[in-house]
N, C-alpha and C. Protein backbone atom coordinates (compact mmCIF):
# COMPACT_ATOMS: atom_id res chain seq x y z
N MET A 1 23.97 -13.35 -75.05
CA MET A 1 22.95 -13.73 -76.04
C MET A 1 23.62 -13.93 -77.35
N SER A 2 23.28 -15.01 -78.00
CA SER A 2 23.85 -15.38 -79.29
C SER A 2 23.05 -14.68 -80.42
N SER A 3 23.80 -14.30 -81.47
CA SER A 3 23.12 -13.65 -82.57
C SER A 3 22.69 -14.69 -83.62
N VAL A 4 23.06 -15.96 -83.46
CA VAL A 4 22.66 -17.00 -84.36
C VAL A 4 21.28 -17.53 -84.01
N ARG A 5 20.38 -17.50 -84.91
CA ARG A 5 19.05 -17.96 -84.68
C ARG A 5 19.01 -19.49 -84.86
N LYS A 6 18.27 -20.09 -83.97
CA LYS A 6 18.06 -21.56 -84.06
C LYS A 6 16.94 -21.82 -85.03
N PRO A 7 17.07 -22.87 -85.88
CA PRO A 7 15.97 -23.18 -86.79
C PRO A 7 14.81 -23.71 -85.98
N THR A 8 13.62 -23.28 -86.43
CA THR A 8 12.41 -23.71 -85.71
C THR A 8 11.66 -24.72 -86.60
N ALA A 9 10.84 -25.47 -85.95
CA ALA A 9 10.04 -26.50 -86.67
C ALA A 9 9.04 -25.87 -87.65
N ASP A 10 8.69 -24.60 -87.46
CA ASP A 10 7.70 -23.98 -88.32
C ASP A 10 8.38 -23.14 -89.41
N PHE A 11 9.62 -23.37 -89.70
CA PHE A 11 10.29 -22.70 -90.81
C PHE A 11 9.60 -23.07 -92.09
N GLY A 12 9.14 -22.09 -92.85
CA GLY A 12 8.31 -22.38 -94.01
C GLY A 12 6.92 -22.79 -93.54
N ASP A 13 6.37 -23.78 -94.20
CA ASP A 13 5.01 -24.15 -93.81
C ASP A 13 4.98 -25.56 -93.21
N ALA A 14 6.13 -26.26 -93.12
CA ALA A 14 6.10 -27.63 -92.57
C ALA A 14 7.46 -27.90 -91.87
N ALA A 15 7.38 -28.82 -90.97
CA ALA A 15 8.57 -29.24 -90.21
C ALA A 15 9.49 -30.02 -91.14
N PRO A 16 10.78 -29.94 -90.92
CA PRO A 16 11.67 -30.71 -91.82
C PRO A 16 11.38 -32.21 -91.67
N SER A 17 11.63 -32.92 -92.72
CA SER A 17 11.37 -34.36 -92.71
C SER A 17 12.69 -35.11 -92.67
N ARG A 18 12.65 -36.33 -92.16
CA ARG A 18 13.85 -37.14 -92.05
C ARG A 18 14.20 -37.79 -93.43
N TYR A 19 13.20 -37.99 -94.27
CA TYR A 19 13.42 -38.67 -95.52
C TYR A 19 12.35 -38.18 -96.51
N PRO A 20 12.59 -38.29 -97.82
CA PRO A 20 11.54 -37.88 -98.82
C PRO A 20 10.37 -38.75 -98.71
N GLY A 21 9.19 -38.06 -98.65
CA GLY A 21 7.93 -38.76 -98.56
C GLY A 21 7.34 -38.91 -97.16
N GLU A 22 8.12 -38.55 -96.14
CA GLU A 22 7.64 -38.72 -94.80
C GLU A 22 6.40 -37.81 -94.57
N ARG A 23 6.47 -36.60 -95.03
CA ARG A 23 5.33 -35.68 -94.90
C ARG A 23 4.09 -36.14 -95.66
N LEU A 24 4.26 -37.02 -96.59
CA LEU A 24 3.18 -37.55 -97.42
C LEU A 24 2.60 -38.83 -96.84
N GLY A 25 3.25 -39.30 -95.78
CA GLY A 25 2.83 -40.55 -95.15
C GLY A 25 3.35 -41.80 -95.87
N LEU A 26 4.43 -41.62 -96.58
CA LEU A 26 5.01 -42.77 -97.35
C LEU A 26 6.16 -43.38 -96.55
N PRO A 27 6.43 -44.64 -96.79
CA PRO A 27 7.59 -45.26 -96.04
C PRO A 27 8.93 -44.71 -96.56
N GLU A 28 9.96 -44.92 -95.72
CA GLU A 28 11.31 -44.44 -96.08
C GLU A 28 11.91 -45.23 -97.26
N SER A 29 11.63 -46.52 -97.30
CA SER A 29 12.20 -47.35 -98.39
C SER A 29 11.22 -48.50 -98.70
N GLY A 30 11.53 -49.19 -99.78
CA GLY A 30 10.68 -50.30 -100.20
C GLY A 30 9.45 -49.88 -100.97
N PRO A 31 8.51 -50.79 -101.18
CA PRO A 31 7.28 -50.48 -101.91
C PRO A 31 6.57 -49.27 -101.34
N ARG A 32 6.01 -48.44 -102.25
CA ARG A 32 5.27 -47.26 -101.90
C ARG A 32 6.12 -46.10 -101.42
N SER A 33 7.45 -46.25 -101.37
CA SER A 33 8.34 -45.12 -101.03
C SER A 33 8.51 -44.23 -102.25
N VAL A 34 8.97 -43.01 -102.07
CA VAL A 34 9.19 -42.09 -103.16
C VAL A 34 10.24 -42.63 -104.08
N GLY A 35 9.99 -42.62 -105.39
CA GLY A 35 10.95 -43.05 -106.40
C GLY A 35 12.13 -42.09 -106.41
N ARG A 36 13.34 -42.63 -106.35
CA ARG A 36 14.55 -41.84 -106.32
C ARG A 36 15.04 -41.46 -107.69
N VAL A 37 16.06 -40.59 -107.72
CA VAL A 37 16.54 -39.97 -108.96
C VAL A 37 17.04 -41.01 -109.97
N GLY A 38 17.76 -42.01 -109.54
CA GLY A 38 18.32 -43.01 -110.46
C GLY A 38 17.25 -43.70 -111.28
N ARG A 39 16.19 -44.12 -110.57
CA ARG A 39 15.09 -44.80 -111.26
C ARG A 39 14.37 -43.81 -112.17
N ARG A 40 14.17 -42.60 -111.72
CA ARG A 40 13.48 -41.61 -112.55
C ARG A 40 14.24 -41.36 -113.84
N LEU A 41 15.54 -41.22 -113.75
CA LEU A 41 16.34 -40.94 -114.95
C LEU A 41 16.36 -42.17 -115.86
N GLY A 42 16.43 -43.33 -115.31
CA GLY A 42 16.32 -44.54 -116.13
C GLY A 42 15.01 -44.63 -116.85
N ALA A 43 13.92 -44.33 -116.18
CA ALA A 43 12.58 -44.34 -116.78
C ALA A 43 12.50 -43.31 -117.87
N LEU A 44 13.01 -42.10 -117.63
CA LEU A 44 13.00 -41.06 -118.62
C LEU A 44 13.77 -41.46 -119.87
N ALA A 45 14.93 -42.05 -119.69
CA ALA A 45 15.78 -42.53 -120.86
C ALA A 45 14.99 -43.57 -121.64
N ILE A 46 14.35 -44.51 -120.98
CA ILE A 46 13.62 -45.54 -121.68
C ILE A 46 12.44 -44.91 -122.46
N ASP A 47 11.72 -43.99 -121.83
CA ASP A 47 10.55 -43.40 -122.46
C ASP A 47 10.98 -42.52 -123.61
N TRP A 48 12.06 -41.77 -123.48
CA TRP A 48 12.53 -40.94 -124.58
C TRP A 48 12.99 -41.78 -125.74
N ALA A 49 13.73 -42.86 -125.45
CA ALA A 49 14.21 -43.77 -126.49
C ALA A 49 12.99 -44.40 -127.23
N SER A 50 11.97 -44.76 -126.49
CA SER A 50 10.74 -45.28 -127.11
C SER A 50 10.12 -44.29 -128.08
N ALA A 51 10.05 -42.99 -127.65
CA ALA A 51 9.46 -41.98 -128.49
C ALA A 51 10.30 -41.76 -129.77
N VAL A 52 11.62 -41.73 -129.63
CA VAL A 52 12.50 -41.58 -130.76
C VAL A 52 12.34 -42.76 -131.70
N MET A 53 12.23 -43.95 -131.17
CA MET A 53 12.08 -45.14 -132.01
C MET A 53 10.73 -45.08 -132.79
N ILE A 54 9.71 -44.67 -132.13
CA ILE A 54 8.37 -44.58 -132.81
C ILE A 54 8.41 -43.54 -133.91
N VAL A 55 9.03 -42.38 -133.64
CA VAL A 55 9.14 -41.34 -134.66
C VAL A 55 9.98 -41.80 -135.84
N THR A 56 11.09 -42.52 -135.55
CA THR A 56 11.96 -42.99 -136.61
C THR A 56 11.26 -44.06 -137.47
N ILE A 57 10.45 -44.91 -136.85
CA ILE A 57 9.74 -45.97 -137.58
C ILE A 57 8.62 -45.39 -138.47
N PHE A 58 7.79 -44.52 -137.83
CA PHE A 58 6.61 -44.04 -138.54
C PHE A 58 6.88 -42.78 -139.40
N PHE A 59 7.92 -42.08 -139.16
CA PHE A 59 8.30 -40.90 -139.92
C PHE A 59 9.77 -41.03 -140.33
N PRO A 60 10.06 -41.98 -141.22
CA PRO A 60 11.45 -42.26 -141.55
C PRO A 60 12.20 -41.09 -142.26
N ASP A 61 11.42 -40.18 -142.86
CA ASP A 61 12.08 -39.05 -143.51
C ASP A 61 12.59 -38.01 -142.55
N SER A 62 12.08 -38.05 -141.33
CA SER A 62 12.58 -37.06 -140.33
C SER A 62 13.80 -37.61 -139.66
N VAL A 63 14.62 -36.73 -139.12
CA VAL A 63 15.80 -37.12 -138.40
C VAL A 63 15.36 -37.51 -137.01
N GLY A 64 15.64 -38.74 -136.56
CA GLY A 64 15.17 -39.31 -135.29
C GLY A 64 15.38 -38.40 -134.09
N ILE A 65 16.66 -38.19 -133.73
CA ILE A 65 16.93 -37.44 -132.50
C ILE A 65 16.80 -35.95 -132.71
N GLY A 66 17.04 -35.48 -133.94
CA GLY A 66 16.97 -34.06 -134.21
C GLY A 66 15.52 -33.50 -134.32
N ASN A 67 14.54 -34.38 -134.48
CA ASN A 67 13.17 -33.95 -134.68
C ASN A 67 12.50 -33.75 -133.30
N GLY A 68 12.80 -32.70 -132.69
CA GLY A 68 12.36 -32.46 -131.31
C GLY A 68 10.86 -32.41 -131.16
N TRP A 69 10.15 -31.76 -132.07
CA TRP A 69 8.72 -31.67 -131.91
C TRP A 69 8.02 -33.02 -132.00
N ALA A 70 8.39 -33.80 -133.04
CA ALA A 70 7.81 -35.08 -133.18
C ALA A 70 8.10 -36.00 -131.97
N ASN A 71 9.34 -35.93 -131.53
CA ASN A 71 9.75 -36.76 -130.42
C ASN A 71 8.99 -36.31 -129.15
N SER A 72 8.82 -35.04 -128.95
CA SER A 72 8.12 -34.52 -127.77
C SER A 72 6.61 -34.94 -127.81
N VAL A 73 6.01 -34.89 -128.97
CA VAL A 73 4.62 -35.28 -129.14
C VAL A 73 4.45 -36.75 -128.87
N ALA A 74 5.36 -37.55 -129.45
CA ALA A 74 5.27 -39.03 -129.25
C ALA A 74 5.50 -39.36 -127.77
N PHE A 75 6.44 -38.69 -127.13
CA PHE A 75 6.68 -38.88 -125.67
C PHE A 75 5.45 -38.55 -124.88
N ALA A 76 4.84 -37.40 -125.16
CA ALA A 76 3.69 -36.97 -124.41
C ALA A 76 2.51 -37.94 -124.58
N VAL A 77 2.26 -38.35 -125.82
CA VAL A 77 1.16 -39.33 -126.07
C VAL A 77 1.38 -40.61 -125.33
N LEU A 78 2.64 -41.15 -125.36
CA LEU A 78 2.92 -42.38 -124.64
C LEU A 78 2.74 -42.23 -123.11
N GLN A 79 3.18 -41.09 -122.59
CA GLN A 79 3.00 -40.82 -121.17
C GLN A 79 1.53 -40.86 -120.79
N VAL A 80 0.74 -40.09 -121.51
CA VAL A 80 -0.68 -39.95 -121.14
C VAL A 80 -1.38 -41.32 -121.26
N ILE A 81 -1.13 -42.01 -122.38
CA ILE A 81 -1.83 -43.28 -122.56
C ILE A 81 -1.42 -44.30 -121.49
N PHE A 82 -0.14 -44.44 -121.22
CA PHE A 82 0.25 -45.45 -120.26
C PHE A 82 0.03 -45.11 -118.82
N ILE A 83 0.22 -43.83 -118.48
CA ILE A 83 -0.04 -43.45 -117.06
C ILE A 83 -1.53 -43.62 -116.77
N THR A 84 -2.39 -43.27 -117.71
CA THR A 84 -3.82 -43.39 -117.50
C THR A 84 -4.27 -44.87 -117.42
N THR A 85 -3.66 -45.69 -118.24
CA THR A 85 -4.15 -47.10 -118.28
C THR A 85 -3.43 -48.04 -117.34
N THR A 86 -2.10 -47.83 -117.15
CA THR A 86 -1.35 -48.80 -116.33
C THR A 86 -0.73 -48.16 -115.06
N GLY A 87 -0.94 -46.88 -114.87
CA GLY A 87 -0.41 -46.21 -113.67
C GLY A 87 1.05 -45.82 -113.81
N GLY A 88 1.63 -45.91 -114.99
CA GLY A 88 2.97 -45.54 -115.24
C GLY A 88 3.35 -45.70 -116.67
N SER A 89 4.33 -44.99 -117.14
CA SER A 89 4.82 -45.12 -118.47
C SER A 89 5.55 -46.46 -118.59
N VAL A 90 5.94 -46.80 -119.81
CA VAL A 90 6.69 -48.01 -120.04
C VAL A 90 8.01 -47.96 -119.23
N GLY A 91 8.68 -46.83 -119.26
CA GLY A 91 9.90 -46.68 -118.45
C GLY A 91 9.65 -46.79 -116.97
N HIS A 92 8.62 -46.17 -116.51
CA HIS A 92 8.27 -46.27 -115.07
C HIS A 92 8.12 -47.72 -114.65
N ARG A 93 7.35 -48.41 -115.44
CA ARG A 93 7.01 -49.81 -115.07
C ARG A 93 8.25 -50.72 -115.18
N LEU A 94 9.13 -50.45 -116.14
CA LEU A 94 10.31 -51.31 -116.27
C LEU A 94 11.31 -51.08 -115.13
N VAL A 95 11.36 -49.91 -114.59
CA VAL A 95 12.28 -49.63 -113.45
C VAL A 95 11.57 -49.78 -112.08
N GLY A 96 10.33 -50.17 -112.10
CA GLY A 96 9.65 -50.40 -110.82
C GLY A 96 9.03 -49.18 -110.18
N LEU A 97 8.52 -48.24 -110.97
CA LEU A 97 7.85 -47.09 -110.46
C LEU A 97 6.41 -47.01 -110.98
N ARG A 98 5.60 -46.25 -110.29
CA ARG A 98 4.27 -45.93 -110.79
C ARG A 98 3.82 -44.57 -110.29
N VAL A 99 2.91 -43.99 -111.00
CA VAL A 99 2.36 -42.66 -110.66
C VAL A 99 1.02 -42.85 -109.92
N VAL A 100 0.91 -42.28 -108.75
CA VAL A 100 -0.38 -42.37 -108.01
C VAL A 100 -0.79 -40.98 -107.56
N PRO A 101 -2.12 -40.76 -107.43
CA PRO A 101 -2.58 -39.49 -106.89
C PRO A 101 -2.38 -39.46 -105.40
N LEU A 102 -2.14 -38.33 -104.85
CA LEU A 102 -1.95 -38.17 -103.40
C LEU A 102 -3.19 -38.56 -102.61
N THR A 103 -4.36 -38.35 -103.25
CA THR A 103 -5.60 -38.66 -102.57
C THR A 103 -6.01 -40.13 -102.64
N GLY A 104 -5.20 -40.93 -103.39
CA GLY A 104 -5.46 -42.36 -103.51
C GLY A 104 -6.43 -42.58 -104.66
N GLY A 105 -6.68 -43.84 -104.99
CA GLY A 105 -7.62 -44.16 -106.05
C GLY A 105 -6.99 -44.11 -107.42
N TYR A 106 -7.84 -44.00 -108.42
CA TYR A 106 -7.47 -44.00 -109.83
C TYR A 106 -6.84 -42.65 -110.22
N VAL A 107 -5.85 -42.69 -111.00
CA VAL A 107 -5.09 -41.49 -111.35
C VAL A 107 -5.92 -40.61 -112.33
N GLY A 108 -6.88 -41.24 -113.04
CA GLY A 108 -7.76 -40.50 -113.95
C GLY A 108 -7.03 -40.04 -115.24
N VAL A 109 -7.68 -39.17 -115.96
CA VAL A 109 -7.13 -38.73 -117.25
C VAL A 109 -6.48 -37.33 -117.11
N TRP A 110 -7.10 -36.44 -116.36
CA TRP A 110 -6.58 -35.07 -116.34
C TRP A 110 -5.23 -34.98 -115.65
N ARG A 111 -4.95 -35.79 -114.63
CA ARG A 111 -3.66 -35.77 -113.96
C ARG A 111 -2.51 -36.09 -114.90
N PRO A 112 -2.57 -37.23 -115.68
CA PRO A 112 -1.50 -37.51 -116.61
C PRO A 112 -1.35 -36.41 -117.67
N VAL A 113 -2.49 -35.86 -118.11
CA VAL A 113 -2.38 -34.82 -119.14
C VAL A 113 -1.66 -33.58 -118.59
N VAL A 114 -2.05 -33.10 -117.43
CA VAL A 114 -1.43 -31.93 -116.83
C VAL A 114 0.07 -32.22 -116.51
N ARG A 115 0.30 -33.38 -115.90
CA ARG A 115 1.63 -33.78 -115.53
C ARG A 115 2.56 -33.84 -116.80
N THR A 116 2.04 -34.46 -117.84
CA THR A 116 2.86 -34.63 -119.05
C THR A 116 3.13 -33.30 -119.81
N LEU A 117 2.12 -32.45 -119.88
CA LEU A 117 2.35 -31.17 -120.50
C LEU A 117 3.43 -30.34 -119.76
N LEU A 118 3.39 -30.39 -118.47
CA LEU A 118 4.44 -29.68 -117.66
C LEU A 118 5.78 -30.42 -117.80
N LEU A 119 5.78 -31.71 -117.89
CA LEU A 119 7.02 -32.48 -118.07
C LEU A 119 7.67 -32.18 -119.38
N VAL A 120 6.88 -32.02 -120.43
CA VAL A 120 7.46 -31.75 -121.76
C VAL A 120 8.11 -30.35 -121.74
N VAL A 121 7.59 -29.45 -120.96
CA VAL A 121 8.25 -28.14 -120.88
C VAL A 121 9.60 -28.22 -120.21
N ILE A 122 9.89 -29.26 -119.47
CA ILE A 122 11.14 -29.63 -118.85
C ILE A 122 11.41 -28.82 -117.56
N LEU A 123 11.29 -27.55 -117.53
CA LEU A 123 11.67 -26.78 -116.35
C LEU A 123 10.96 -27.25 -115.11
N PRO A 124 9.63 -27.50 -115.13
CA PRO A 124 8.97 -27.94 -113.88
C PRO A 124 9.55 -29.25 -113.29
N ALA A 125 10.05 -30.10 -114.19
CA ALA A 125 10.62 -31.35 -113.72
C ALA A 125 11.96 -31.14 -112.98
N LEU A 126 12.60 -29.97 -113.20
CA LEU A 126 13.85 -29.70 -112.53
C LEU A 126 13.66 -29.01 -111.18
N VAL A 127 12.46 -28.60 -110.87
CA VAL A 127 12.17 -27.93 -109.60
C VAL A 127 11.53 -28.98 -108.65
N TRP A 128 12.25 -29.31 -107.62
CA TRP A 128 11.78 -30.36 -106.67
C TRP A 128 11.55 -29.82 -105.32
N ASP A 129 10.71 -30.46 -104.57
CA ASP A 129 10.51 -30.13 -103.12
C ASP A 129 11.23 -31.11 -102.23
N VAL A 130 11.12 -31.00 -100.96
CA VAL A 130 11.83 -31.90 -100.05
C VAL A 130 11.41 -33.32 -100.11
N ASP A 131 10.22 -33.58 -100.72
CA ASP A 131 9.74 -34.94 -100.91
C ASP A 131 10.15 -35.53 -102.25
N GLN A 132 11.07 -34.85 -102.95
CA GLN A 132 11.56 -35.21 -104.27
C GLN A 132 10.40 -35.34 -105.29
N ARG A 133 9.43 -34.45 -105.19
CA ARG A 133 8.36 -34.35 -106.13
C ARG A 133 8.67 -33.18 -107.03
N GLY A 134 8.60 -33.41 -108.34
CA GLY A 134 8.82 -32.32 -109.25
C GLY A 134 7.56 -31.43 -109.25
N PHE A 135 7.75 -30.21 -109.75
CA PHE A 135 6.65 -29.24 -109.82
C PHE A 135 5.52 -29.80 -110.67
N HIS A 136 5.80 -30.62 -111.67
CA HIS A 136 4.78 -31.22 -112.52
C HIS A 136 3.95 -32.19 -111.70
N ASP A 137 4.55 -32.91 -110.76
CA ASP A 137 3.81 -33.81 -109.86
C ASP A 137 2.98 -33.01 -108.81
N LYS A 138 3.55 -31.93 -108.36
CA LYS A 138 2.79 -31.13 -107.34
C LYS A 138 1.57 -30.51 -107.92
N ILE A 139 1.66 -29.99 -109.11
CA ILE A 139 0.50 -29.34 -109.78
C ILE A 139 -0.57 -30.45 -110.09
N ALA A 140 -0.12 -31.62 -110.55
CA ALA A 140 -1.09 -32.66 -110.91
C ALA A 140 -1.58 -33.50 -109.67
N GLY A 141 -0.98 -33.19 -108.49
CA GLY A 141 -1.44 -33.89 -107.28
C GLY A 141 -1.04 -35.34 -107.29
N THR A 142 0.12 -35.65 -107.87
CA THR A 142 0.59 -37.02 -107.96
C THR A 142 1.95 -37.17 -107.30
N VAL A 143 2.33 -38.41 -107.09
CA VAL A 143 3.66 -38.71 -106.58
C VAL A 143 4.14 -40.02 -107.28
N LEU A 144 5.42 -40.06 -107.62
CA LEU A 144 6.01 -41.20 -108.26
C LEU A 144 6.56 -42.11 -107.23
N ILE A 145 6.02 -43.32 -107.05
CA ILE A 145 6.44 -44.19 -105.99
C ILE A 145 7.05 -45.48 -106.51
N ARG A 146 7.77 -46.19 -105.68
CA ARG A 146 8.30 -47.52 -106.06
C ARG A 146 7.11 -48.52 -106.02
N ALA A 147 7.04 -49.33 -107.00
CA ALA A 147 5.93 -50.35 -107.15
C ALA A 147 6.18 -51.49 -106.22
């Protein structure tokens, strides 16, 4: 008898998936597949640069990159406005991503607000599940997919 246990399909609460998004019913690649890390980081860089630019233009007396609070507020406002109205931030849309609720339909207002507040805290965005959904997306009931 071997002392090594074989992994079972019921390890945790779900069977292991072959690719991110499989358990959510999303395709492995192409449109509607889970947005991967490279696109996410590109979108984040674009959104953060947009927030810094806005703070620098409208509050020229503040230091652009060093003014963390103003940058964070501008970032959050942009996220909520654009995710609510267009299904993704400016960065998301430029790199071909969008935010959708798991249940389908309109993303609404509360999901972008909850998602953004958690995203601004940063730590929830660093905690991912096997479907490459950050904790901020899990709490808001959303997933970032390729458009």
